[in-house]
Amino acid sequence: MYFVVFATDQPGKAALRAQTKARHRDHLDHPPDGVHVLQTGPWLDGAGEEAGSLLILEAASQAQIEAFMQTDPYVEAGIFAHVEVHPWVWRRGNPYLADSTDATADKPN
């Protein structure tokens, strides 16, 4: 099952985000068994500054994703003000589907 994680930074944490970025990337590069990191990146505010993170992850359960996020260095450093985890149906552009342009196709389990 796919999940989207939308995390919002606390104001004034840009320097801490920059200092923690290498450990955050390492965390994403070495997920635990059963968690697959598919896409990640910062989202930007109106001034073009990093203001949070967007992750697309795959796991058997939301609990696995939530546990993975709890050990993220950005979470541990207190950078995020809010983290949302939602199940997500990846249709268009999904390389795991036979025809990723089919907006009605779902990945078989």
PDB file of N, CA and C in Angstrom:
ATOM      1  N   MET A   1       0.848  -1.167   0.000  1.00  0.00           N
ATOM      2  CA  MET A   1       0.000   0.000   0.000  1.00  0.00           C
ATOM      3  C   MET A   1       0.896   1.232   0.000  1.00  0.00           C
ATOM      4  N   TYR A   2       0.445   2.257  -0.721  1.00  0.00           N
ATOM      5  CA  TYR A   2       1.200   3.496  -0.792  1.00  0.00           C
ATOM      6  C   TYR A   2       0.675   4.492   0.236  1.00  0.00           C
ATOM      7  N   PHE A   3       1.588   5.359   0.674  1.00  0.00           N
ATOM      8  CA  PHE A   3       1.238   6.403   1.630  1.00  0.00           C
ATOM      9  C   PHE A   3       1.914   7.699   1.203  1.00  0.00           C
ATOM     10  N   VAL A   4       1.223   8.804   1.435  1.00  0.00           N
ATOM     11  CA  VAL A   4       1.817  10.119   1.250  1.00  0.00           C
ATOM     12  C   VAL A   4       2.000  10.723   2.640  1.00  0.00           C
ATOM     13  N   VAL A   5       3.170  11.286   2.853  1.00  0.00           N
ATOM     14  CA  VAL A   5       3.488  11.974   4.103  1.00  0.00           C
ATOM     15  C   VAL A   5       3.702  13.438   3.756  1.00  0.00           C
ATOM     16  N   PHE A   6       2.952  14.294   4.426  1.00  0.00           N
ATOM     17  CA  PHE A   6       3.059  15.730   4.225  1.00  0.00           C
ATOM     18  C   PHE A   6       3.435  16.343   5.564  1.00  0.00           C
ATOM     19  N   ALA A   7       4.663  16.863   5.643  1.00  0.00           N
ATOM     20  CA  ALA A   7       5.166  17.423   6.894  1.00  0.00           C
ATOM     21  C   ALA A   7       5.426  18.913   6.723  1.00  0.00           C
ATOM     22  N   THR A   8       5.030  19.680   7.716  1.00  0.00           N
ATOM     23  CA  THR A   8       5.178  21.125   7.706  1.00  0.00           C
ATOM     24  C   THR A   8       6.210  21.534   8.747  1.00  0.00           C
ATOM     25  N   ASP A   9       7.195  22.325   8.316  1.00  0.00           N
ATOM     26  CA  ASP A   9       8.220  22.799   9.246  1.00  0.00           C
ATOM     27  C   ASP A   9       7.661  23.831  10.209  1.00  0.00           C
ATOM     28  N   GLN A  10       8.266  23.883  11.397  1.00  0.00           N
ATOM     29  CA  GLN A  10       8.014  24.977  12.320  1.00  0.00           C
ATOM     30  C   GLN A  10       8.723  26.217  11.788  1.00  0.00           C
ATOM     31  N   PRO A  11       8.174  27.375  12.005  1.00  0.00           N
ATOM     32  CA  PRO A  11       8.859  28.602  11.581  1.00  0.00           C
ATOM     33  C   PRO A  11      10.231  28.715  12.259  1.00  0.00           C
ATOM     34  N   GLY A  12      11.176  29.270  11.533  1.00  0.00           N
ATOM     35  CA  GLY A  12      12.489  29.539  12.109  1.00  0.00           C
ATOM     36  C   GLY A  12      13.406  28.338  12.222  1.00  0.00           C
ATOM     37  N   LYS A  13      13.114  27.256  11.511  1.00  0.00           N
ATOM     38  CA  LYS A  13      13.919  26.038  11.616  1.00  0.00           C
ATOM     39  C   LYS A  13      14.795  25.787  10.388  1.00  0.00           C
ATOM     40  N   ALA A  14      14.965  26.785   9.517  1.00  0.00           N
ATOM     41  CA  ALA A  14      15.731  26.585   8.281  1.00  0.00           C
ATOM     42  C   ALA A  14      17.168  26.177   8.555  1.00  0.00           C
ATOM     43  N   ALA A  15      17.828  26.815   9.512  1.00  0.00           N
ATOM     44  CA  ALA A  15      19.224  26.473   9.812  1.00  0.00           C
ATOM     45  C   ALA A  15      19.323  25.058  10.381  1.00  0.00           C
ATOM     46  N   LEU A  16      18.415  24.704  11.267  1.00  0.00           N
ATOM     47  CA  LEU A  16      18.423  23.357  11.834  1.00  0.00           C
ATOM     48  C   LEU A  16      18.128  22.320  10.754  1.00  0.00           C
ATOM     49  N   ARG A  17      17.222  22.630   9.838  1.00  0.00           N
ATOM     50  CA  ARG A  17      16.918  21.735   8.710  1.00  0.00           C
ATOM     51  C   ARG A  17      18.189  21.488   7.897  1.00  0.00           C
ATOM     52  N   ALA A  18      18.918  22.552   7.603  1.00  0.00           N
ATOM     53  CA  ALA A  18      20.147  22.420   6.816  1.00  0.00           C
ATOM     54  C   ALA A  18      21.185  21.576   7.560  1.00  0.00           C
ATOM     55  N   GLN A  19      21.303  21.768   8.855  1.00  0.00           N
ATOM     56  CA  GLN A  19      22.269  21.018   9.659  1.00  0.00           C
ATOM     57  C   GLN A  19      21.911  19.538   9.765  1.00  0.00           C
ATOM     58  N   THR A  20      20.627  19.220   9.671  1.00  0.00           N
ATOM     59  CA  THR A  20      20.130  17.859   9.881  1.00  0.00           C
ATOM     60  C   THR A  20      19.940  17.113   8.561  1.00  0.00           C
ATOM     61  N   LYS A  21      20.051  17.805   7.430  1.00  0.00           N
ATOM     62  CA  LYS A  21      19.704  17.245   6.129  1.00  0.00           C
ATOM     63  C   LYS A  21      20.470  15.969   5.791  1.00  0.00           C
ATOM     64  N   ALA A  22      21.757  15.892   6.077  1.00  0.00           N
ATOM     65  CA  ALA A  22      22.542  14.698   5.731  1.00  0.00           C
ATOM     66  C   ALA A  22      22.026  13.475   6.492  1.00  0.00           C
ATOM     67  N   ARG A  23      21.709  13.640   7.775  1.00  0.00           N
ATOM     68  CA  ARG A  23      21.174  12.507   8.553  1.00  0.00           C
ATOM     69  C   ARG A  23      19.778  12.124   8.072  1.00  0.00           C
ATOM     70  N   HIS A  24      18.977  13.112   7.683  1.00  0.00           N
ATOM     71  CA  HIS A  24      17.638  12.852   7.138  1.00  0.00           C
ATOM     72  C   HIS A  24      17.748  12.039   5.846  1.00  0.00           C
ATOM     73  N   ARG A  25      18.644  12.444   4.953  1.00  0.00           N
ATOM     74  CA  ARG A  25      18.832  11.707   3.698  1.00  0.00           C
ATOM     75  C   ARG A  25      19.291  10.282   3.952  1.00  0.00           C
ATOM     76  N   ASP A  26      20.196  10.108   4.899  1.00  0.00           N
ATOM     77  CA  ASP A  26      20.664   8.762   5.230  1.00  0.00           C
ATOM     78  C   ASP A  26      19.512   7.901   5.749  1.00  0.00           C
ATOM     79  N   HIS A  27      18.653   8.489   6.546  1.00  0.00           N
ATOM     80  CA  HIS A  27      17.467   7.785   7.061  1.00  0.00           C
ATOM     81  C   HIS A  27      16.589   7.317   5.906  1.00  0.00           C
ATOM     82  N   LEU A  28      16.383   8.190   4.924  1.00  0.00           N
ATOM     83  CA  LEU A  28      15.552   7.841   3.775  1.00  0.00           C
ATOM     84  C   LEU A  28      16.227   6.783   2.902  1.00  0.00           C
ATOM     85  N   ASP A  29      17.543   6.808   2.838  1.00  0.00           N
ATOM     86  CA  ASP A  29      18.294   5.846   2.023  1.00  0.00           C
ATOM     87  C   ASP A  29      18.390   4.464   2.653  1.00  0.00           C
ATOM     88  N   HIS A  30      18.082   4.349   3.937  1.00  0.00           N
ATOM     89  CA  HIS A  30      18.196   3.072   4.648  1.00  0.00           C
ATOM     90  C   HIS A  30      16.948   2.774   5.475  1.00  0.00           C
ATOM     91  N   PRO A  31      15.799   2.633   4.809  1.00  0.00           N
ATOM     92  CA  PRO A  31      14.566   2.346   5.559  1.00  0.00           C
ATOM     93  C   PRO A  31      14.593   0.928   6.112  1.00  0.00           C
ATOM     94  N   PRO A  32      13.777   0.652   7.121  1.00  0.00           N
ATOM     95  CA  PRO A  32      13.705  -0.711   7.660  1.00  0.00           C
ATOM     96  C   PRO A  32      13.031  -1.652   6.672  1.00  0.00           C
ATOM     97  N   ASP A  33      13.221  -2.943   6.877  1.00  0.00           N
ATOM     98  CA  ASP A  33      12.546  -3.930   6.037  1.00  0.00           C
ATOM     99  C   ASP A  33      11.055  -3.654   6.029  1.00  0.00           C
ATOM    100  N   GLY A  34      10.468  -3.727   4.857  1.00  0.00           N
ATOM    101  CA  GLY A  34       9.032  -3.537   4.714  1.00  0.00           C
ATOM    102  C   GLY A  34       8.608  -2.118   4.389  1.00  0.00           C
ATOM    103  N   VAL A  35       9.536  -1.166   4.452  1.00  0.00           N
ATOM    104  CA  VAL A  35       9.238   0.214   4.090  1.00  0.00           C
ATOM    105  C   VAL A  35      10.076   0.561   2.869  1.00  0.00           C
ATOM    106  N   HIS A  36       9.415   1.076   1.845  1.00  0.00           N
ATOM    107  CA  HIS A  36      10.102   1.454   0.605  1.00  0.00           C
ATOM    108  C   HIS A  36       9.892   2.951   0.380  1.00  0.00           C
ATOM    109  N   VAL A  37      10.989   3.671   0.240  1.00  0.00           N
ATOM    110  CA  VAL A  37      10.949   5.107  -0.028  1.00  0.00           C
ATOM    111  C   VAL A  37      10.950   5.282  -1.543  1.00  0.00           C
ATOM    112  N   LEU A  38       9.861   5.810  -2.085  1.00  0.00           N
ATOM    113  CA  LEU A  38       9.693   5.917  -3.532  1.00  0.00           C
ATOM    114  C   LEU A  38      10.011   7.306  -4.075  1.00  0.00           C
ATOM    115  N   GLN A  39       9.543   8.339  -3.408  1.00  0.00           N
ATOM    116  CA  GLN A  39       9.789   9.720  -3.831  1.00  0.00           C
ATOM    117  C   GLN A  39       9.852  10.596  -2.590  1.00  0.00           C
ATOM    118  N   THR A  40      10.731  11.584  -2.615  1.00  0.00           N
ATOM    119  CA  THR A  40      10.813  12.533  -1.503  1.00  0.00           C
ATOM    120  C   THR A  40      11.265  13.886  -2.021  1.00  0.00           C
ATOM    121  N   GLY A  41      11.032  14.886  -1.228  1.00  0.00           N
ATOM    122  CA  GLY A  41      11.558  16.207  -1.531  1.00  0.00           C
ATOM    123  C   GLY A  41      10.894  17.265  -0.685  1.00  0.00           C
ATOM    124  N   PRO A  42      11.576  18.404  -0.550  1.00  0.00           N
ATOM    125  CA  PRO A  42      10.975  19.496   0.206  1.00  0.00           C
ATOM    126  C   PRO A  42       9.913  20.198  -0.623  1.00  0.00           C
ATOM    127  N   TRP A  43       8.899  20.712   0.056  1.00  0.00           N
ATOM    128  CA  TRP A  43       7.978  21.611  -0.617  1.00  0.00           C
ATOM    129  C   TRP A  43       8.362  23.025  -0.204  1.00  0.00           C
ATOM    130  N   LEU A  44       8.028  23.984  -1.033  1.00  0.00           N
ATOM    131  CA  LEU A  44       8.519  25.346  -0.861  1.00  0.00           C
ATOM    132  C   LEU A  44       7.406  26.324  -0.499  1.00  0.00           C
ATOM    133  N   ASP A  45       7.796  27.342   0.250  1.00  0.00           N
ATOM    134  CA  ASP A  45       6.831  28.401   0.574  1.00  0.00           C
ATOM    135  C   ASP A  45       6.792  29.416  -0.570  1.00  0.00           C
ATOM    136  N   GLY A  46       6.037  30.485  -0.409  1.00  0.00           N
ATOM    137  CA  GLY A  46       5.881  31.487  -1.454  1.00  0.00           C
ATOM    138  C   GLY A  46       7.167  32.198  -1.840  1.00  0.00           C
ATOM    139  N   ALA A  47       8.158  32.185  -0.949  1.00  0.00           N
ATOM    140  CA  ALA A  47       9.444  32.823  -1.218  1.00  0.00           C
ATOM    141  C   ALA A  47      10.447  31.845  -1.831  1.00  0.00           C
ATOM    142  N   GLY A  48      10.004  30.584  -2.048  1.00  0.00           N
ATOM    143  CA  GLY A  48      10.893  29.586  -2.619  1.00  0.00           C
ATOM    144  C   GLY A  48      11.797  28.907  -1.610  1.00  0.00           C
ATOM    145  N   GLU A  49      11.517  29.073  -0.330  1.00  0.00           N
ATOM    146  CA  GLU A  49      12.304  28.446   0.734  1.00  0.00           C
ATOM    147  C   GLU A  49      11.676  27.117   1.142  1.00  0.00           C
ATOM    148  N   GLU A  50      12.513  26.167   1.555  1.00  0.00           N
ATOM    149  CA  GLU A  50      11.997  24.882   2.024  1.00  0.00           C
ATOM    150  C   GLU A  50      11.123  25.105   3.252  1.00  0.00           C
ATOM    151  N   ALA A  51       9.910  24.550   3.207  1.00  0.00           N
ATOM    152  CA  ALA A  51       8.940  24.772   4.281  1.00  0.00           C
ATOM    153  C   ALA A  51       8.370  23.479   4.836  1.00  0.00           C
ATOM    154  N   GLY A  52       8.816  22.349   4.298  1.00  0.00           N
ATOM    155  CA  GLY A  52       8.314  21.063   4.754  1.00  0.00           C
ATOM    156  C   GLY A  52       8.788  19.971   3.824  1.00  0.00           C
ATOM    157  N   SER A  53       8.269  18.780   4.038  1.00  0.00           N
ATOM    158  CA  SER A  53       8.680  17.618   3.249  1.00  0.00           C
ATOM    159  C   SER A  53       7.464  16.865   2.736  1.00  0.00           C
ATOM    160  N   LEU A  54       7.613  16.294   1.544  1.00  0.00           N
ATOM    161  CA  LEU A  54       6.616  15.429   0.943  1.00  0.00           C
ATOM    162  C   LEU A  54       7.296  14.102   0.639  1.00  0.00           C
ATOM    163  N   LEU A  55       6.726  13.012   1.128  1.00  0.00           N
ATOM    164  CA  LEU A  55       7.282  11.686   0.892  1.00  0.00           C
ATOM    165  C   LEU A  55       6.202  10.774   0.352  1.00  0.00           C
ATOM    166  N   ILE A  56       6.564   9.919  -0.580  1.00  0.00           N
ATOM    167  CA  ILE A  56       5.702   8.852  -1.049  1.00  0.00           C
ATOM    168  C   ILE A  56       6.395   7.553  -0.662  1.00  0.00           C
ATOM    169  N   LEU A  57       5.716   6.781   0.168  1.00  0.00           N
ATOM    170  CA  LEU A  57       6.293   5.580   0.747  1.00  0.00           C
ATOM    171  C   LEU A  57       5.383   4.393   0.475  1.00  0.00           C
ATOM    172  N   GLU A  58       5.956   3.202   0.557  1.00  0.00           N
ATOM    173  CA  GLU A  58       5.174   1.973   0.418  1.00  0.00           C
ATOM    174  C   GLU A  58       5.461   1.093   1.618  1.00  0.00           C
ATOM    175  N   ALA A  59       4.408   0.514   2.176  1.00  0.00           N
ATOM    176  CA  ALA A  59       4.512  -0.414   3.303  1.00  0.00           C
ATOM    177  C   ALA A  59       3.195  -1.171   3.419  1.00  0.00           C
ATOM    178  N   ALA A  60       3.209  -2.207   4.224  1.00  0.00           N
ATOM    179  CA  ALA A  60       1.996  -3.001   4.426  1.00  0.00           C
ATOM    180  C   ALA A  60       0.985  -2.286   5.317  1.00  0.00           C
ATOM    181  N   SER A  61       1.461  -1.359   6.166  1.00  0.00           N
ATOM    182  CA  SER A  61       0.531  -0.708   7.092  1.00  0.00           C
ATOM    183  C   SER A  61       0.954   0.727   7.383  1.00  0.00           C
ATOM    184  N   GLN A  62      -0.005   1.520   7.780  1.00  0.00           N
ATOM    185  CA  GLN A  62       0.261   2.893   8.181  1.00  0.00           C
ATOM    186  C   GLN A  62       1.117   2.930   9.436  1.00  0.00           C
ATOM    187  N   ALA A  63       0.966   1.942  10.304  1.00  0.00           N
ATOM    188  CA  ALA A  63       1.770   1.879  11.522  1.00  0.00           C
ATOM    189  C   ALA A  63       3.262   1.794  11.189  1.00  0.00           C
ATOM    190  N   GLN A  64       3.621   1.067  10.136  1.00  0.00           N
ATOM    191  CA  GLN A  64       5.023   0.985   9.725  1.00  0.00           C
ATOM    192  C   GLN A  64       5.540   2.356   9.287  1.00  0.00           C
ATOM    193  N   ILE A  65       4.717   3.081   8.557  1.00  0.00           N
ATOM    194  CA  ILE A  65       5.105   4.405   8.094  1.00  0.00           C
ATOM    195  C   ILE A  65       5.258   5.351   9.278  1.00  0.00           C
ATOM    196  N   GLU A  66       4.322   5.307  10.196  1.00  0.00           N
ATOM    197  CA  GLU A  66       4.389   6.183  11.363  1.00  0.00           C
ATOM    198  C   GLU A  66       5.617   5.882  12.213  1.00  0.00           C
ATOM    199  N   ALA A  67       5.962   4.614  12.379  1.00  0.00           N
ATOM    200  CA  ALA A  67       7.170   4.242  13.129  1.00  0.00           C
ATOM    201  C   ALA A  67       8.422   4.748  12.407  1.00  0.00           C
ATOM    202  N   PHE A  68       8.462   4.610  11.088  1.00  0.00           N
ATOM    203  CA  PHE A  68       9.583   5.103  10.295  1.00  0.00           C
ATOM    204  C   PHE A  68       9.731   6.613  10.451  1.00  0.00           C
ATOM    205  N   MET A  69       8.631   7.317  10.412  1.00  0.00           N
ATOM    206  CA  MET A  69       8.684   8.766  10.537  1.00  0.00           C
ATOM    207  C   MET A  69       9.133   9.197  11.937  1.00  0.00           C
ATOM    208  N   GLN A  70       8.782   8.454  12.966  1.00  0.00           N
ATOM    209  CA  GLN A  70       9.187   8.816  14.328  1.00  0.00           C
ATOM    210  C   GLN A  70      10.703   8.796  14.501  1.00  0.00           C
ATOM    211  N   THR A  71      11.395   8.000  13.673  1.00  0.00           N
ATOM    212  CA  THR A  71      12.855   7.931  13.773  1.00  0.00           C
ATOM    213  C   THR A  71      13.555   8.817  12.750  1.00  0.00           C
ATOM    214  N   ASP A  72      12.803   9.612  12.007  1.00  0.00           N
ATOM    215  CA  ASP A  72      13.395  10.546  11.048  1.00  0.00           C
ATOM    216  C   ASP A  72      14.136  11.637  11.825  1.00  0.00           C
ATOM    217  N   PRO A  73      15.373  11.947  11.438  1.00  0.00           N
ATOM    218  CA  PRO A  73      16.116  12.996  12.138  1.00  0.00           C
ATOM    219  C   PRO A  73      15.416  14.351  12.167  1.00  0.00           C
ATOM    220  N   TYR A  74      14.630  14.665  11.149  1.00  0.00           N
ATOM    221  CA  TYR A  74      13.876  15.921  11.193  1.00  0.00           C
ATOM    222  C   TYR A  74      12.835  15.897  12.319  1.00  0.00           C
ATOM    223  N   VAL A  75      12.198  14.759  12.522  1.00  0.00           N
ATOM    224  CA  VAL A  75      11.229  14.624  13.618  1.00  0.00           C
ATOM    225  C   VAL A  75      11.959  14.696  14.951  1.00  0.00           C
ATOM    226  N   GLU A  76      13.037  13.938  15.066  1.00  0.00           N
ATOM    227  CA  GLU A  76      13.803  13.907  16.324  1.00  0.00           C
ATOM    228  C   GLU A  76      14.357  15.283  16.691  1.00  0.00           C
ATOM    229  N   ALA A  77      14.710  16.099  15.690  1.00  0.00           N
ATOM    230  CA  ALA A  77      15.259  17.435  15.940  1.00  0.00           C
ATOM    231  C   ALA A  77      14.172  18.473  16.219  1.00  0.00           C
ATOM    232  N   GLY A  78      12.911  18.095  16.042  1.00  0.00           N
ATOM    233  CA  GLY A  78      11.815  19.022  16.289  1.00  0.00           C
ATOM    234  C   GLY A  78      11.587  20.021  15.167  1.00  0.00           C
ATOM    235  N   ILE A  79      11.976  19.656  13.954  1.00  0.00           N
ATOM    236  CA  ILE A  79      11.808  20.561  12.813  1.00  0.00           C
ATOM    237  C   ILE A  79      10.354  20.657  12.380  1.00  0.00           C
ATOM    238  N   PHE A  80       9.654  19.540  12.378  1.00  0.00           N
ATOM    239  CA  PHE A  80       8.279  19.532  11.893  1.00  0.00           C
ATOM    240  C   PHE A  80       7.302  20.009  12.959  1.00  0.00           C
ATOM    241  N   ALA A  81       6.409  20.897  12.551  1.00  0.00           N
ATOM    242  CA  ALA A  81       5.303  21.322  13.410  1.00  0.00           C
ATOM    243  C   ALA A  81       4.156  20.340  13.318  1.00  0.00           C
ATOM    244  N   HIS A  82       4.029  19.718  12.133  1.00  0.00           N
ATOM    245  CA  HIS A  82       2.886  18.840  11.885  1.00  0.00           C
ATOM    246  C   HIS A  82       3.275  17.820  10.824  1.00  0.00           C
ATOM    247  N   VAL A  83       2.876  16.559  11.042  1.00  0.00           N
ATOM    248  CA  VAL A  83       3.122  15.492  10.069  1.00  0.00           C
ATOM    249  C   VAL A  83       1.805  14.770   9.825  1.00  0.00           C
ATOM    250  N   GLU A  84       1.413  14.689   8.558  1.00  0.00           N
ATOM    251  CA  GLU A  84       0.214  13.945   8.167  1.00  0.00           C
ATOM    252  C   GLU A  84       0.635  12.725   7.357  1.00  0.00           C
ATOM    253  N   VAL A  85       0.031  11.582   7.658  1.00  0.00           N
ATOM    254  CA  VAL A  85       0.254  10.347   6.902  1.00  0.00           C
ATOM    255  C   VAL A  85      -1.105   9.894   6.389  1.00  0.00           C
ATOM    256  N   HIS A  86      -1.184   9.686   5.073  1.00  0.00           N
ATOM    257  CA  HIS A  86      -2.450   9.263   4.473  1.00  0.00           C
ATOM    258  C   HIS A  86      -2.218   8.121   3.497  1.00  0.00           C
ATOM    259  N   PRO A  87      -3.085   7.107   3.496  1.00  0.00           N
ATOM    260  CA  PRO A  87      -3.044   6.103   2.425  1.00  0.00           C
ATOM    261  C   PRO A  87      -3.277   6.818   1.094  1.00  0.00           C
ATOM    262  N   TRP A  88      -2.666   6.287   0.059  1.00  0.00           N
ATOM    263  CA  TRP A  88      -2.714   6.962  -1.239  1.00  0.00           C
ATOM    264  C   TRP A  88      -2.807   5.936  -2.351  1.00  0.00           C
ATOM    265  N   VAL A  89      -3.647   6.200  -3.323  1.00  0.00           N
ATOM    266  CA  VAL A  89      -3.762   5.342  -4.504  1.00  0.00           C
ATOM    267  C   VAL A  89      -2.961   6.009  -5.615  1.00  0.00           C
ATOM    268  N   TRP A  90      -1.882   5.364  -5.998  1.00  0.00           N
ATOM    269  CA  TRP A  90      -0.979   5.911  -7.027  1.00  0.00           C
ATOM    270  C   TRP A  90      -1.411   5.366  -8.369  1.00  0.00           C
ATOM    271  N   ARG A  91      -1.957   6.204  -9.187  1.00  0.00           N
ATOM    272  CA  ARG A  91      -2.456   5.782 -10.486  1.00  0.00           C
ATOM    273  C   ARG A  91      -1.576   6.330 -11.599  1.00  0.00           C
ATOM    274  N   ARG A  92      -1.841   7.523 -12.037  1.00  0.00           N
ATOM    275  CA  ARG A  92      -1.112   8.088 -13.174  1.00  0.00           C
ATOM    276  C   ARG A  92       0.371   8.244 -12.816  1.00  0.00           C
ATOM    277  N   GLY A  93       1.230   7.772 -13.729  1.00  0.00           N
ATOM    278  CA  GLY A  93       2.666   7.887 -13.536  1.00  0.00           C
ATOM    279  C   GLY A  93       3.287   6.805 -12.670  1.00  0.00           C
ATOM    280  N   ASN A  94       2.503   5.822 -12.247  1.00  0.00           N
ATOM    281  CA  ASN A  94       3.021   4.748 -11.397  1.00  0.00           C
ATOM    282  C   ASN A  94       3.791   3.753 -12.272  1.00  0.00           C
ATOM    283  N   PRO A  95       5.103   3.653 -12.104  1.00  0.00           N
ATOM    284  CA  PRO A  95       5.891   2.744 -12.944  1.00  0.00           C
ATOM    285  C   PRO A  95       5.635   1.270 -12.654  1.00  0.00           C
ATOM    286  N   TYR A  96       4.936   0.976 -11.568  1.00  0.00           N
ATOM    287  CA  TYR A  96       4.651  -0.413 -11.208  1.00  0.00           C
ATOM    288  C   TYR A  96       3.381  -0.939 -11.875  1.00  0.00           C
ATOM    289  N   LEU A  97       2.630  -0.047 -12.525  1.00  0.00           N
ATOM    290  CA  LEU A  97       1.434  -0.460 -13.248  1.00  0.00           C
ATOM    291  C   LEU A  97       1.806  -0.768 -14.688  1.00  0.00           C
ATOM    292  N   ALA A  98       1.094  -1.706 -15.299  1.00  0.00           N
ATOM    293  CA  ALA A  98       1.350  -2.050 -16.704  1.00  0.00           C
ATOM    294  C   ALA A  98       1.152  -0.832 -17.601  1.00  0.00           C
ATOM    295  N   ASP A  99       0.105  -0.059 -17.355  1.00  0.00           N
ATOM    296  CA  ASP A  99      -0.177   1.144 -18.131  1.00  0.00           C
ATOM    297  C   ASP A  99      -0.391   2.287 -17.146  1.00  0.00           C
ATOM    298  N   SER A 100       0.665   3.030 -16.858  1.00  0.00           N
ATOM    299  CA  SER A 100       0.581   4.063 -15.830  1.00  0.00           C
ATOM    300  C   SER A 100      -0.183   5.298 -16.272  1.00  0.00           C
ATOM    301  N   THR A 101      -0.657   5.334 -17.512  1.00  0.00           N
ATOM    302  CA  THR A 101      -1.490   6.455 -17.937  1.00  0.00           C
ATOM    303  C   THR A 101      -2.961   6.176 -17.676  1.00  0.00           C
ATOM    304  N   ASP A 102      -3.277   4.952 -17.250  1.00  0.00           N
ATOM    305  CA  ASP A 102      -4.664   4.591 -16.971  1.00  0.00           C
ATOM    306  C   ASP A 102      -5.040   5.115 -15.590  1.00  0.00           C
ATOM    307  N   ALA A 103      -5.825   6.164 -15.537  1.00  0.00           N
ATOM    308  CA  ALA A 103      -6.184   6.800 -14.271  1.00  0.00           C
ATOM    309  C   ALA A 103      -7.129   5.948 -13.436  1.00  0.00           C
ATOM    310  N   THR A 104      -7.614   4.825 -13.955  1.00  0.00           N
ATOM    311  CA  THR A 104      -8.536   3.998 -13.183  1.00  0.00           C
ATOM    312  C   THR A 104      -7.863   2.728 -12.668  1.00  0.00           C
ATOM    313  N   ALA A 105      -6.651   2.452 -13.063  1.00  0.00           N
ATOM    314  CA  ALA A 105      -5.971   1.212 -12.655  1.00  0.00           C
ATOM    315  C   ALA A 105      -5.393   1.352 -11.257  1.00  0.00           C
ATOM    316  N   ASP A 106      -5.462   0.292 -10.498  1.00  0.00           N
ATOM    317  CA  ASP A 106      -4.828   0.216  -9.177  1.00  0.00           C
ATOM    318  C   ASP A 106      -3.769  -0.869  -9.210  1.00  0.00           C
ATOM    319  N   LYS A 107      -2.743  -0.696  -8.377  1.00  0.00           N
ATOM    320  CA  LYS A 107      -1.704  -1.709  -8.273  1.00  0.00           C
ATOM    321  C   LYS A 107      -2.297  -2.957  -7.619  1.00  0.00           C
ATOM    322  N   PRO A 108      -2.130  -4.141  -8.219  1.00  0.00           N
ATOM    323  CA  PRO A 108      -2.623  -5.351  -7.574  1.00  0.00           C
ATOM    324  C   PRO A 108      -1.807  -5.666  -6.335  1.00  0.00           C
ATOM    325  N   ASN A 109      -2.470  -6.210  -5.327  1.00  0.00           N
ATOM    326  CA  ASN A 109      -1.775  -6.586  -4.082  1.00  0.00           C
ATOM    327  C   ASN A 109      -1.247  -7.977  -4.170  1.00  0.00           C
TER     328      ASN A 109
END
